[in-house]
N, C-alpha and C. Protein backbone atom coordinates (compact mmCIF):
# COMPACT_ATOMS: atom_id res chain seq x y z
N MET A 1 0.83 -1.18 0.00
CA MET A 1 0.00 0.00 0.00
C MET A 1 0.88 1.25 0.00
N ARG A 2 0.56 2.17 -0.84
CA ARG A 2 1.32 3.41 -0.95
C ARG A 2 0.65 4.49 -0.11
N TYR A 3 1.41 5.10 0.79
CA TYR A 3 0.90 6.14 1.66
C TYR A 3 1.18 7.52 1.07
N GLU A 4 0.24 8.42 1.25
CA GLU A 4 0.45 9.82 0.86
C GLU A 4 1.19 10.51 2.00
N ILE A 5 2.22 11.26 1.67
CA ILE A 5 3.00 11.96 2.68
C ILE A 5 2.60 13.43 2.68
N ILE A 6 2.19 13.91 3.86
CA ILE A 6 1.74 15.29 4.01
C ILE A 6 2.64 15.97 5.04
N LEU A 7 3.19 17.11 4.66
CA LEU A 7 4.03 17.89 5.58
C LEU A 7 3.18 18.97 6.24
N ALA A 8 3.19 19.02 7.56
CA ALA A 8 2.57 20.12 8.27
C ALA A 8 3.39 21.37 7.97
N PRO A 9 2.78 22.55 8.00
CA PRO A 9 3.55 23.78 7.74
C PRO A 9 4.79 23.91 8.62
N GLU A 10 4.67 23.50 9.88
CA GLU A 10 5.82 23.57 10.80
C GLU A 10 6.94 22.64 10.34
N ALA A 11 6.56 21.46 9.85
CA ALA A 11 7.57 20.50 9.38
C ALA A 11 8.26 21.03 8.12
N ALA A 12 7.51 21.69 7.25
CA ALA A 12 8.11 22.28 6.05
C ALA A 12 9.12 23.35 6.44
N GLN A 13 8.79 24.15 7.45
CA GLN A 13 9.73 25.17 7.94
C GLN A 13 10.96 24.51 8.55
N ASP A 14 10.74 23.43 9.31
CA ASP A 14 11.87 22.71 9.91
C ASP A 14 12.82 22.20 8.83
N LEU A 15 12.27 21.66 7.75
CA LEU A 15 13.10 21.16 6.65
C LEU A 15 13.91 22.28 6.01
N LYS A 16 13.29 23.43 5.83
CA LYS A 16 13.99 24.57 5.21
C LYS A 16 15.17 25.03 6.05
N ARG A 17 15.08 24.86 7.38
CA ARG A 17 16.16 25.30 8.27
C ARG A 17 17.37 24.38 8.22
N LEU A 18 17.19 23.15 7.71
CA LEU A 18 18.31 22.21 7.64
C LEU A 18 19.26 22.59 6.51
N SER A 19 20.49 22.13 6.64
CA SER A 19 21.43 22.32 5.54
C SER A 19 20.94 21.52 4.35
N ALA A 20 21.38 21.87 3.16
CA ALA A 20 20.94 21.18 1.94
C ALA A 20 21.24 19.68 2.02
N ARG A 21 22.40 19.33 2.53
CA ARG A 21 22.77 17.92 2.64
C ARG A 21 21.84 17.16 3.58
N ASN A 22 21.59 17.74 4.77
CA ASN A 22 20.69 17.09 5.73
C ASN A 22 19.27 17.04 5.21
N ARG A 23 18.84 18.08 4.54
CA ARG A 23 17.48 18.13 3.98
C ARG A 23 17.28 16.99 2.98
N THR A 24 18.26 16.81 2.10
CA THR A 24 18.19 15.74 1.10
C THR A 24 18.17 14.37 1.78
N THR A 25 19.01 14.19 2.78
CA THR A 25 19.06 12.91 3.50
C THR A 25 17.71 12.63 4.17
N VAL A 26 17.14 13.62 4.83
CA VAL A 26 15.85 13.45 5.50
C VAL A 26 14.76 13.14 4.49
N GLN A 27 14.71 13.88 3.40
CA GLN A 27 13.69 13.64 2.38
C GLN A 27 13.82 12.25 1.78
N ASP A 28 15.04 11.82 1.52
CA ASP A 28 15.26 10.47 0.98
C ASP A 28 14.78 9.39 1.96
N ASN A 29 15.07 9.59 3.25
CA ASN A 29 14.65 8.62 4.26
C ASN A 29 13.14 8.62 4.46
N ILE A 30 12.53 9.77 4.37
CA ILE A 30 11.06 9.84 4.46
C ILE A 30 10.46 9.03 3.31
N GLU A 31 10.97 9.24 2.13
CA GLU A 31 10.46 8.51 0.96
C GLU A 31 10.73 7.00 1.10
N LYS A 32 11.91 6.65 1.53
CA LYS A 32 12.30 5.24 1.62
C LYS A 32 11.54 4.49 2.70
N HIS A 33 11.38 5.09 3.88
CA HIS A 33 10.83 4.37 5.02
C HIS A 33 9.35 4.63 5.26
N LEU A 34 8.84 5.77 4.85
CA LEU A 34 7.46 6.11 5.21
C LEU A 34 6.47 5.97 4.06
N ARG A 35 6.93 5.87 2.85
CA ARG A 35 6.02 5.80 1.70
C ARG A 35 5.21 4.50 1.70
N PHE A 36 5.83 3.37 2.06
CA PHE A 36 5.13 2.10 1.95
C PHE A 36 4.90 1.39 3.28
N GLU A 37 5.80 1.55 4.25
CA GLU A 37 5.64 0.87 5.54
C GLU A 37 5.96 1.80 6.70
N PRO A 38 5.15 2.83 6.89
CA PRO A 38 5.45 3.80 7.95
C PRO A 38 5.24 3.26 9.36
N ASP A 39 4.55 2.12 9.49
CA ASP A 39 4.31 1.56 10.81
C ASP A 39 5.15 0.32 11.09
N LYS A 40 6.15 0.08 10.25
CA LYS A 40 7.05 -1.06 10.44
C LYS A 40 8.12 -0.67 11.46
N ILE A 41 7.94 -1.15 12.67
CA ILE A 41 8.83 -0.81 13.78
C ILE A 41 10.18 -1.49 13.56
N SER A 42 11.26 -0.75 13.84
CA SER A 42 12.60 -1.32 13.77
C SER A 42 13.40 -0.81 14.96
N LYS A 43 14.45 -1.50 15.31
CA LYS A 43 15.24 -1.08 16.47
C LYS A 43 15.95 0.23 16.24
N SER A 44 16.32 0.50 15.01
CA SER A 44 17.15 1.68 14.77
C SER A 44 16.44 2.81 14.04
N ARG A 45 15.39 2.56 13.30
CA ARG A 45 14.79 3.61 12.48
C ARG A 45 13.46 4.13 13.00
N ILE A 46 12.45 3.26 13.01
CA ILE A 46 11.09 3.70 13.33
C ILE A 46 10.71 3.18 14.71
N LYS A 47 10.15 4.10 15.50
CA LYS A 47 9.74 3.75 16.86
C LYS A 47 8.32 4.25 17.09
N ARG A 48 7.48 3.39 17.63
CA ARG A 48 6.13 3.81 18.03
C ARG A 48 6.27 4.47 19.39
N LEU A 49 5.77 5.68 19.54
CA LEU A 49 5.91 6.42 20.78
C LEU A 49 4.82 5.99 21.76
N ARG A 50 5.23 5.58 22.92
CA ARG A 50 4.29 5.10 23.94
C ARG A 50 3.83 6.25 24.81
N GLY A 51 2.60 6.17 25.25
CA GLY A 51 2.06 7.18 26.16
C GLY A 51 1.65 8.46 25.46
N LEU A 52 1.77 8.49 24.14
CA LEU A 52 1.38 9.68 23.38
C LEU A 52 0.30 9.34 22.37
N ARG A 53 -0.68 10.17 22.28
CA ARG A 53 -1.70 10.02 21.25
C ARG A 53 -1.24 10.70 19.97
N HIS A 54 -0.39 11.71 20.16
CA HIS A 54 0.05 12.55 19.04
C HIS A 54 1.40 13.12 19.40
N PRO A 55 2.49 12.91 18.72
CA PRO A 55 2.67 12.09 17.53
C PRO A 55 2.71 10.61 17.88
N GLN A 56 2.44 9.79 16.88
CA GLN A 56 2.40 8.35 17.10
C GLN A 56 3.75 7.68 16.87
N TYR A 57 4.55 8.23 15.94
CA TYR A 57 5.79 7.58 15.54
C TYR A 57 6.94 8.57 15.44
N ARG A 58 8.17 7.99 15.47
CA ARG A 58 9.39 8.76 15.27
C ARG A 58 10.28 8.01 14.30
N LEU A 59 10.79 8.72 13.31
CA LEU A 59 11.77 8.18 12.38
C LEU A 59 13.12 8.82 12.71
N ARG A 60 14.14 7.98 12.90
CA ARG A 60 15.48 8.49 13.21
C ARG A 60 16.29 8.55 11.92
N VAL A 61 16.86 9.72 11.66
CA VAL A 61 17.75 9.91 10.51
C VAL A 61 19.00 10.59 11.05
N GLY A 62 19.99 9.78 11.47
CA GLY A 62 21.19 10.33 12.07
C GLY A 62 20.84 11.08 13.35
N ASP A 63 21.20 12.36 13.43
CA ASP A 63 20.89 13.19 14.61
C ASP A 63 19.59 13.96 14.44
N ILE A 64 18.80 13.58 13.48
CA ILE A 64 17.53 14.27 13.21
C ILE A 64 16.39 13.30 13.47
N ARG A 65 15.32 13.83 14.08
CA ARG A 65 14.14 13.04 14.37
C ARG A 65 12.95 13.60 13.61
N VAL A 66 12.20 12.70 12.97
CA VAL A 66 11.01 13.06 12.21
C VAL A 66 9.83 12.48 12.98
N PHE A 67 8.94 13.33 13.48
CA PHE A 67 7.76 12.89 14.22
C PHE A 67 6.55 12.92 13.29
N TYR A 68 5.76 11.84 13.33
CA TYR A 68 4.63 11.76 12.41
C TYR A 68 3.50 10.92 12.97
N ASP A 69 2.33 11.12 12.38
CA ASP A 69 1.12 10.36 12.69
C ASP A 69 0.68 9.61 11.45
N LEU A 70 -0.02 8.51 11.66
CA LEU A 70 -0.67 7.78 10.57
C LEU A 70 -2.17 8.02 10.67
N VAL A 71 -2.76 8.48 9.59
CA VAL A 71 -4.21 8.68 9.52
C VAL A 71 -4.68 8.03 8.23
N GLU A 72 -5.32 6.86 8.39
CA GLU A 72 -5.78 6.06 7.25
C GLU A 72 -4.62 5.77 6.31
N ASP A 73 -4.65 6.31 5.08
CA ASP A 73 -3.58 6.05 4.11
C ASP A 73 -2.66 7.26 3.95
N LYS A 74 -2.55 8.06 5.01
CA LYS A 74 -1.71 9.27 4.97
C LYS A 74 -0.70 9.25 6.11
N VAL A 75 0.50 9.74 5.80
CA VAL A 75 1.52 9.97 6.81
C VAL A 75 1.60 11.49 6.98
N GLU A 76 1.23 11.96 8.17
CA GLU A 76 1.26 13.39 8.45
C GLU A 76 2.52 13.70 9.25
N ILE A 77 3.50 14.33 8.59
CA ILE A 77 4.75 14.67 9.26
C ILE A 77 4.53 15.96 10.02
N LEU A 78 4.77 15.89 11.33
CA LEU A 78 4.48 17.02 12.22
C LEU A 78 5.69 17.89 12.48
N ALA A 79 6.87 17.27 12.56
CA ALA A 79 8.07 18.04 12.88
C ALA A 79 9.31 17.29 12.45
N VAL A 80 10.35 18.06 12.16
CA VAL A 80 11.68 17.54 11.85
C VAL A 80 12.62 18.32 12.76
N VAL A 81 13.14 17.65 13.80
CA VAL A 81 13.94 18.35 14.81
C VAL A 81 15.25 17.62 15.06
N GLN A 82 16.22 18.36 15.56
CA GLN A 82 17.49 17.78 15.96
C GLN A 82 17.26 16.91 17.19
N LYS A 83 18.08 15.89 17.35
CA LYS A 83 17.97 14.98 18.49
C LYS A 83 18.00 15.76 19.80
N SER A 84 18.86 16.76 19.88
CA SER A 84 19.01 17.53 21.12
C SER A 84 17.74 18.31 21.47
N GLU A 85 16.89 18.58 20.49
CA GLU A 85 15.66 19.35 20.73
C GLU A 85 14.42 18.45 20.79
N ALA A 86 14.57 17.16 20.53
CA ALA A 86 13.42 16.25 20.41
C ALA A 86 12.64 16.14 21.72
N ALA A 87 13.31 15.98 22.84
CA ALA A 87 12.61 15.82 24.12
C ALA A 87 11.80 17.08 24.45
N ASP A 88 12.40 18.24 24.24
CA ASP A 88 11.69 19.50 24.51
C ASP A 88 10.48 19.64 23.59
N TRP A 89 10.64 19.25 22.32
CA TRP A 89 9.53 19.34 21.38
C TRP A 89 8.38 18.43 21.81
N LEU A 90 8.71 17.21 22.24
CA LEU A 90 7.67 16.27 22.69
C LEU A 90 6.94 16.80 23.92
N VAL A 91 7.67 17.40 24.85
CA VAL A 91 7.02 17.95 26.06
C VAL A 91 6.07 19.08 25.67
N GLU A 92 6.51 19.92 24.76
CA GLU A 92 5.71 21.08 24.35
C GLU A 92 4.53 20.70 23.45
N MET A 93 4.79 19.84 22.45
CA MET A 93 3.79 19.58 21.42
C MET A 93 3.11 18.22 21.53
N GLY A 94 3.69 17.30 22.29
CA GLY A 94 3.12 15.96 22.40
C GLY A 94 1.77 15.97 23.12
N ASP A 95 0.89 15.09 22.70
CA ASP A 95 -0.45 14.97 23.27
C ASP A 95 -0.51 13.64 24.02
N LEU A 96 -0.51 13.69 25.35
CA LEU A 96 -0.50 12.48 26.16
C LEU A 96 -1.83 11.76 26.07
N GLU A 97 -1.75 10.44 26.22
CA GLU A 97 -2.97 9.61 26.23
C GLU A 97 -3.69 9.76 27.55
C-alpha cells in the first residue's frame, strides 16, 4: 500500500532550516521508510511512541528526528527536529494519552 506523505507547515519550515545535505538525507529517508511501511517498527529507524496520542511515531535519521502520525492512508509529518531538541519538542507539542 502506498501512503500519501503530508508535511505540516511547521515540518516544512523545519526542513527549510536544515542544511541542503541534511534536507536531502531526511527527504530520501522519508520517501524510503514512510512511503510504503510507515508503521514497520525497527530497532534503529522507526519507533512507536508510547504514552502519546500525538505524535504516534518517530523516524530516526542520524541526529535528526522526524515525528509523524498515521491517519488512514496518509503519513502526516508534524516536525523535523534535531535529536538535542526532540525531548523538549515532545514535552511542548506531544499529546498524552
